[in-house]
Protein backbone atom coordinates (compact mmCIF):
# COMPACT_ATOMS: atom_id res chain seq x y z
CA UNK A 1 21.58 -15.66 -11.51
CA UNK A 2 18.87 -13.49 -11.10
CA UNK A 3 18.64 -10.29 -12.02
CA UNK A 4 19.60 -6.94 -9.59
CA UNK A 5 19.58 -3.89 -11.84
CA UNK A 6 21.96 -1.02 -11.15
CA UNK A 7 19.55 0.93 -10.72
CA UNK A 8 18.63 -0.95 -7.51
CA UNK A 9 22.60 -0.37 -5.99
CA UNK A 10 22.85 3.09 -7.21
CA UNK A 11 19.73 3.47 -4.58
CA UNK A 12 20.96 1.75 -1.32
CA UNK A 13 23.89 3.74 -1.75
CA UNK A 14 21.34 6.63 -0.89
CA UNK A 15 19.15 5.56 1.32
CA UNK A 16 20.60 7.44 4.10
CA UNK A 17 19.91 10.44 2.14
CA UNK A 18 16.72 9.71 1.35
CA UNK A 19 15.62 8.73 4.62
CA UNK A 20 16.05 11.58 5.88
CA UNK A 21 14.75 13.68 3.30
CA UNK A 22 12.47 16.03 5.26
CA UNK A 23 13.56 19.63 4.41
CA UNK A 24 13.83 20.96 0.84
CA UNK A 25 17.66 21.07 1.38
CA UNK A 26 17.92 17.58 2.04
CA UNK A 27 16.02 16.93 -1.51
CA UNK A 28 18.60 19.17 -3.27
CA UNK A 29 21.56 16.76 -1.63
CA UNK A 30 19.47 13.34 -2.50
CA UNK A 31 19.28 15.00 -6.37
CA UNK A 32 23.12 15.83 -6.33
CA UNK A 33 23.91 12.75 -5.34
CA UNK A 34 21.13 10.91 -8.35
CA UNK A 35 22.61 13.09 -10.98
CA UNK A 36 26.35 12.68 -9.81
CA UNK A 37 25.54 8.70 -10.69
CA UNK A 38 23.10 8.58 -13.42
CA UNK A 39 26.15 9.80 -15.07
CA UNK A 40 28.50 8.28 -14.23
CA UNK A 41 26.28 4.64 -15.00
CA UNK A 42 24.48 5.76 -18.18
CA UNK A 43 26.94 4.57 -20.21
CA UNK A 44 26.76 1.19 -18.77
CA UNK A 45 22.92 0.80 -18.74
CA UNK A 46 22.49 2.62 -22.77
CA UNK A 47 23.20 -1.27 -23.17
CA UNK A 48 19.74 -2.41 -21.43
CA UNK A 49 16.07 -2.09 -21.83
CA UNK A 50 13.99 -1.62 -18.33
CA UNK A 51 11.82 0.30 -16.63
CA UNK A 52 12.36 0.76 -12.92
CA UNK A 53 10.72 2.45 -9.89
CA UNK A 54 12.06 2.63 -6.40
CA UNK A 55 9.71 3.72 -3.36
CA UNK A 56 10.68 5.21 0.23
CA UNK A 57 7.59 6.01 1.91
CA UNK A 58 8.34 8.56 5.14
CA UNK A 59 8.23 7.90 8.28
CA UNK A 60 5.11 10.15 8.78
CA UNK A 61 3.54 7.73 5.49
CA UNK A 62 2.50 11.20 4.11
CA UNK A 63 4.03 10.63 1.10
CA UNK A 64 7.29 9.46 -0.93
CA UNK A 65 10.70 9.68 -2.27
CA UNK A 66 9.84 8.15 -6.56
CA UNK A 67 12.65 7.45 -8.28
CA UNK A 68 11.33 6.14 -11.44
CA UNK A 69 13.91 5.29 -14.74
CA UNK A 70 12.45 3.97 -18.18
CA UNK A 71 14.92 2.83 -20.56
CA UNK A 72 14.78 2.13 -23.86
CA UNK A 73 17.50 2.07 -26.96
CA UNK A 74 14.99 1.46 -29.28
CA UNK A 75 13.36 4.84 -29.98
CA UNK A 76 15.15 7.78 -31.48
CA UNK A 77 13.48 9.88 -28.93
CA UNK A 78 10.85 8.84 -25.83
CA UNK A 79 8.40 11.35 -23.81
CA UNK A 80 6.31 12.22 -20.10
CA UNK A 81 2.71 12.21 -20.85
CA UNK A 82 1.08 13.73 -17.88
CA UNK A 83 -2.92 14.19 -18.08
CA UNK A 84 -4.38 16.71 -16.96
CA UNK A 85 -4.85 15.19 -13.79
CA UNK A 86 -1.29 14.62 -13.27
CA UNK A 87 0.21 18.35 -13.93
CA UNK A 88 0.42 18.78 -10.17
CA UNK A 89 3.10 16.03 -10.03
CA UNK A 90 6.30 17.93 -7.81
CA UNK A 91 9.04 16.44 -9.82
CA UNK A 92 12.31 17.11 -7.93
CA UNK A 93 14.81 16.10 -11.27
CA UNK A 94 15.04 14.71 -14.61
CA UNK A 95 18.31 13.16 -16.66
CA UNK A 96 18.63 14.09 -18.77
CA UNK A 97 17.15 17.47 -19.48
CA UNK A 98 14.49 17.39 -21.44
CA UNK A 99 14.34 18.81 -25.37
CA UNK A 100 10.90 19.83 -25.18
CA UNK A 101 7.79 20.63 -23.58
CA UNK A 102 4.23 20.49 -25.21
CA UNK A 103 1.12 20.91 -24.46
CA UNK A 104 -2.25 19.83 -26.11
CA UNK A 105 -5.57 19.20 -25.56
CA UNK A 106 -4.90 19.88 -21.73
CA UNK A 107 -2.29 17.06 -22.32
CA UNK A 108 1.54 17.78 -21.25
CA UNK A 109 4.18 15.88 -23.02
CA UNK A 110 7.10 16.19 -21.53
CA UNK A 111 10.21 14.88 -24.57
CA UNK A 112 14.01 13.67 -24.46
CA UNK A 113 16.45 12.63 -25.97
CA UNK A 114 17.40 8.96 -27.33
CA UNK A 115 17.30 6.57 -24.32
CA UNK A 116 14.65 6.91 -22.04
CA UNK A 117 14.92 9.22 -19.15
CA UNK A 118 14.80 9.35 -14.74
CA UNK A 119 13.23 10.95 -12.61
CA UNK A 120 12.92 11.93 -8.87
CA UNK A 121 9.16 13.02 -7.90
CA UNK A 122 7.23 13.79 -4.66
CA UNK A 123 4.32 11.95 -4.20
CA UNK A 124 1.06 11.69 -2.07
CA UNK A 125 0.08 8.68 0.17
CA UNK A 126 -3.13 9.31 1.40
CA UNK A 127 -5.31 7.92 -1.57
CA UNK A 128 -3.24 4.87 -1.85
CA UNK A 129 -3.20 3.90 2.12
CA UNK A 130 -5.66 2.17 3.82
CA UNK A 131 -6.23 1.38 7.87
CA UNK A 132 -6.65 -2.09 9.41
CA UNK A 133 -6.16 -1.69 12.66
CA UNK A 134 -2.66 -1.88 13.20
CA UNK A 135 -2.09 -2.97 9.21
CA UNK A 136 -1.31 -0.55 6.87
CA UNK A 137 -1.93 -1.72 3.02
CA UNK A 138 -0.67 0.60 0.53
CA UNK A 139 -2.25 -0.65 -3.69
CA UNK A 140 -1.22 -0.10 -7.30
CA UNK A 141 -3.80 2.70 -8.56
CA UNK A 142 -6.01 0.44 -10.54
CA UNK A 143 -7.79 2.41 -12.46
CA UNK A 144 -8.00 2.28 -16.07
CA UNK A 145 -6.36 4.38 -18.92
CA UNK A 146 -8.54 6.90 -20.46
CA UNK A 147 -5.76 7.42 -23.44
CA UNK A 148 -5.03 3.92 -23.45
CA UNK A 149 -7.90 1.90 -23.26
CA UNK A 150 -7.13 -1.81 -21.59
CA UNK A 151 -4.35 -0.78 -20.01
CA UNK A 152 -4.13 0.45 -15.94
CA UNK A 153 -1.81 0.41 -12.78
CA UNK A 154 1.67 0.59 -13.47
CA UNK A 155 3.00 0.12 -17.55
CA UNK A 156 6.13 -0.17 -18.86
CA UNK A 157 4.88 0.26 -22.61
CA UNK A 158 1.03 0.90 -23.68
CA UNK A 159 1.61 -1.57 -26.29
CA UNK A 160 2.05 -4.78 -25.93
CA UNK A 161 3.73 -5.70 -29.12
CA UNK A 162 5.82 -3.19 -28.14
CA UNK A 163 6.48 -4.50 -25.25
CA UNK A 164 7.10 -7.29 -26.23
CA UNK A 165 9.40 -5.70 -29.01
CA UNK A 166 12.27 -4.09 -27.41
CA UNK A 167 12.13 -6.94 -24.95
CA UNK A 168 11.76 -4.98 -21.43
CA UNK A 169 10.47 -5.74 -17.96
CA UNK A 170 9.85 -4.12 -14.42
CA UNK A 171 12.22 -4.01 -11.60
CA UNK A 172 9.61 -2.60 -8.75
CA UNK A 173 11.31 -1.84 -4.96
CA UNK A 174 10.12 0.17 -1.83
CA UNK A 175 12.05 0.71 0.86
CA UNK A 176 10.61 1.23 4.48
CA UNK A 177 11.29 3.41 7.42
CA UNK A 178 13.72 1.45 10.15
CA UNK A 179 10.18 1.48 12.64
CA UNK A 180 7.81 -0.38 10.18
CA UNK A 181 7.66 -4.03 8.55
CA UNK A 182 6.58 -5.73 5.89
CA UNK A 183 3.49 -8.28 6.31
CA UNK A 184 2.79 -8.95 2.77
CA UNK A 185 3.11 -8.23 -0.37
CA UNK A 186 1.74 -9.53 -3.65
CA UNK A 187 1.66 -8.59 -7.13
CA UNK A 188 -1.18 -9.87 -9.59
CA UNK A 189 1.24 -10.25 -12.57
CA UNK A 190 4.23 -12.91 -12.99
CA UNK A 191 8.24 -11.95 -11.85
CA UNK A 192 10.46 -12.82 -8.58
CA UNK A 193 10.38 -10.99 -5.62
CA UNK A 194 13.93 -10.86 -3.56
CA UNK A 195 13.57 -9.11 0.23
CA UNK A 196 17.15 -8.10 2.20
CA UNK A 197 15.95 -6.00 5.43
CA UNK A 198 13.40 -3.38 4.89
CA UNK A 199 14.17 -3.60 1.10
CA UNK A 200 11.51 -5.61 -0.95
CA UNK A 201 12.37 -5.73 -4.63
CA UNK A 202 10.42 -7.47 -7.53
CA UNK A 203 11.17 -7.83 -11.12
CA UNK A 204 8.24 -8.87 -13.53
CA UNK A 205 8.89 -11.68 -16.40
CA UNK A 206 9.62 -10.48 -19.45
CA UNK A 207 5.83 -9.60 -21.61
CA UNK A 208 4.14 -8.82 -18.24
CA UNK A 209 2.40 -5.02 -18.56
CA UNK A 210 -0.37 -3.66 -15.91
CA UNK A 211 1.06 -4.11 -12.80
CA UNK A 212 -0.74 -4.02 -9.81
CA UNK A 213 0.73 -3.94 -6.03
CA UNK A 214 -0.69 -5.49 -2.46
CA UNK A 215 2.23 -3.62 -0.07
CA UNK A 216 0.94 -4.68 3.42
CA UNK A 217 3.19 -3.21 6.58
CA UNK A 218 2.87 -1.95 10.30
CA UNK A 219 4.12 0.05 12.82
CA UNK A 220 6.79 -2.45 14.33
CA UNK A 221 5.76 -3.34 18.49
CA UNK A 222 9.16 -3.42 20.45
CA UNK A 223 8.70 -5.30 24.08
CA UNK A 224 9.07 -2.23 25.85
CA UNK A 225 11.63 -2.24 28.88
CA UNK A 226 9.86 0.24 31.17
CA UNK A 227 5.96 0.42 31.37
CA UNK A 228 3.77 3.28 32.96
CA UNK A 229 6.89 4.44 34.30
CA UNK A 230 7.46 0.79 35.67
CA UNK A 231 10.04 -2.03 34.94
CA UNK A 232 9.24 -4.77 32.75
CA UNK A 233 10.75 -8.09 32.96
CA UNK A 234 9.43 -11.05 30.96
CA UNK A 235 9.37 -14.32 32.53
CA UNK A 236 8.17 -16.40 29.94
CA UNK A 237 8.60 -17.12 26.08
CA UNK A 238 5.98 -18.86 24.36
CA UNK A 239 5.87 -20.35 20.78
CA UNK A 240 2.10 -20.91 19.20
CA UNK A 241 0.99 -21.78 16.13
CA UNK A 242 -2.55 -20.34 15.98
CA UNK A 243 -3.51 -16.25 16.16
CA UNK A 244 -4.38 -16.29 19.68
CA UNK A 245 -4.44 -17.37 23.35
CA UNK A 246 -6.88 -18.57 25.54
CA UNK A 247 -6.06 -17.36 29.18
CA UNK A 248 -7.98 -18.63 32.27
CA UNK A 249 -6.40 -15.90 35.04
CA UNK A 250 -7.06 -16.50 38.76
CA UNK A 251 -5.48 -16.52 42.63
CA UNK A 252 -3.85 -19.33 42.72
CA UNK A 253 -3.20 -18.88 46.88
CA UNK A 254 -4.65 -16.34 49.00
CA UNK A 255 -7.75 -14.33 47.49
CA UNK A 256 -6.37 -10.75 49.28
CA UNK A 257 -8.00 -8.50 46.69
CA UNK A 258 -5.30 -7.98 43.99
CA UNK A 259 -6.32 -6.04 41.05
CA UNK A 260 -4.09 -5.91 37.55
CA UNK A 261 -4.58 -4.48 34.07
CA UNK A 262 -3.36 -6.67 31.23
CA UNK A 263 -1.28 -4.65 28.04
CA UNK A 264 -0.85 -6.21 24.65
CA UNK A 265 1.35 -5.12 22.08
CA UNK A 266 1.04 -1.81 23.56
CA UNK A 267 -2.96 -1.24 24.08
CA UNK A 268 -5.04 -2.09 27.14
CA UNK A 269 -6.68 -5.30 26.75
CA UNK A 270 -7.92 -5.77 30.12
CA UNK A 271 -8.72 -2.33 32.85
CA UNK A 272 -9.52 -3.50 36.54
CA UNK A 273 -9.36 -6.75 37.00
CA UNK A 274 -10.49 -8.54 40.20
CA UNK A 275 -7.81 -11.42 40.64
CA UNK A 276 -10.06 -14.44 42.64
CA UNK A 277 -10.00 -17.89 43.21
CA UNK A 278 -13.05 -18.12 40.32
CA UNK A 279 -11.36 -16.58 37.53
CA UNK A 280 -11.58 -14.75 34.46
CA UNK A 281 -11.31 -15.97 30.82
CA UNK A 282 -9.84 -13.79 28.01
CA UNK A 283 -8.91 -14.60 24.17
CA UNK A 284 -5.54 -13.05 23.56
CA UNK A 285 -5.35 -12.56 19.36
CA UNK A 286 -1.89 -12.96 17.99
CA UNK A 287 -1.86 -10.85 14.74
CA UNK A 288 2.09 -10.32 14.79
CA UNK A 289 5.06 -12.62 14.82
CA UNK A 290 6.22 -11.39 17.69
CA UNK A 291 3.42 -10.48 20.39
CA UNK A 292 3.31 -9.04 24.25
CA UNK A 293 1.43 -9.63 27.04
CA UNK A 294 2.32 -7.45 30.39
CA UNK A 295 0.58 -7.65 33.98
CA UNK A 296 0.31 -4.34 35.78
CA UNK A 297 -0.18 -4.25 39.03
CA UNK A 298 -3.28 -1.39 40.27
CA UNK A 299 -2.62 -2.45 43.70
CA UNK A 300 -0.76 -4.76 45.98
CA UNK A 301 -3.92 -6.56 47.64
CA UNK A 302 -3.51 -7.34 51.59
CA UNK A 303 0.16 -9.59 50.61
CA UNK A 304 2.37 -8.45 48.34
CA UNK A 305 2.94 -8.37 45.54
CA UNK A 306 0.37 -9.35 43.35
CA UNK A 307 -0.02 -11.90 41.77
CA UNK A 308 -1.79 -13.92 39.51
CA UNK A 309 -1.41 -17.34 37.70
CA UNK A 310 -2.33 -17.73 34.13
CA UNK A 311 -3.38 -21.00 32.45
CA UNK A 312 -2.79 -20.58 28.77
CA UNK A 313 -3.89 -22.29 26.44
CA UNK A 314 -2.24 -22.57 22.43
CA UNK A 315 -4.70 -25.66 21.26
CA UNK A 316 -1.70 -27.78 21.74
CA UNK A 317 -0.41 -27.64 25.04
CA UNK A 318 -1.57 -25.30 28.16
CA UNK A 319 1.28 -22.70 30.16
CA UNK A 320 1.17 -23.08 33.38
CA UNK A 321 2.79 -19.68 34.36
CA UNK A 322 2.32 -17.33 37.26
CA UNK A 323 3.68 -13.23 37.61
CA UNK A 324 4.15 -11.35 40.45
CA UNK A 325 3.94 -7.50 39.45
CA UNK A 326 4.63 -4.67 42.16
CA UNK A 327 4.82 -1.01 42.12
CA UNK A 328 8.27 -0.96 40.83
CA UNK A 329 7.99 -3.99 38.29
CA UNK A 330 5.97 -5.74 36.27
CA UNK A 331 6.17 -9.54 34.38
CA UNK A 332 4.77 -10.06 31.33
CA UNK A 333 5.36 -12.83 28.84
CA UNK A 334 6.39 -13.44 24.69
CA UNK A 335 4.49 -15.13 22.68
CA UNK A 336 6.17 -16.01 18.88
CA UNK A 337 4.40 -17.46 16.09
CA UNK A 338 5.97 -18.54 12.45
């Protein structure tokens, strides 16, 4: 059976509190809950070695609440080292309490008793996020360590021989807010991924170190029930395998001056198109697994309702569809892809 760390189960109990952590008082609730469960589970965890990180971005993607736990039973004491650049980190909680704090040459060393330590901190996300269209990319810091040459990314231990001798591995989890969805998640090191809904979990192989993660996600695009005050009826669902379809739009009946606009996944890709006998061809990109296209009537022409004939070529088949829209209702199409 594949390993699921106990701290990840603890995290699942805390999801409702963590996701609502928008104020200091709520952060105090998170800390209190973590502290209670950590006390209860400490003896159970004392027999194993692991480095666990649970990462929970907030809904605005401004910051994340991060739970970290380093558990090693092979040392009399262990410390969290902060470089001069890291001294501004915002810690909400430590367990157990540090036994000493030493500052030397600008570096802070926070010492803990035998067995390891846990902490919760708030992290700003801006420097780790890249936006490409509606795709959001999170990448782990890849800068090489000045203090430990050859080390980078997320490190379990800074010496490979030590990592091997204590037989430890990394557990790394993410939990996205409900209105986001994953597109992909990768790691540069060997291990395995698990996923359940908004939770993804990576367990690295033994002896692996210096982990870099690339996690891509986006805002969910729920199909609208109403668009610009008009009810939307989706009259057709088309399954496609490619990343786009070619759409030819024309007036297959009497040309009567109909003018339409097209909304794809919340964005207007065509505005004010006159539906004519000659027709017009557009390429509709399908970048998501579920996409919607809505035809919005800009007028009713001389023969209501506003009607457009669409020939949709998905590369394997041509679909013939007629959409009707008026001042109270718009019709649309759903596209799904693997």
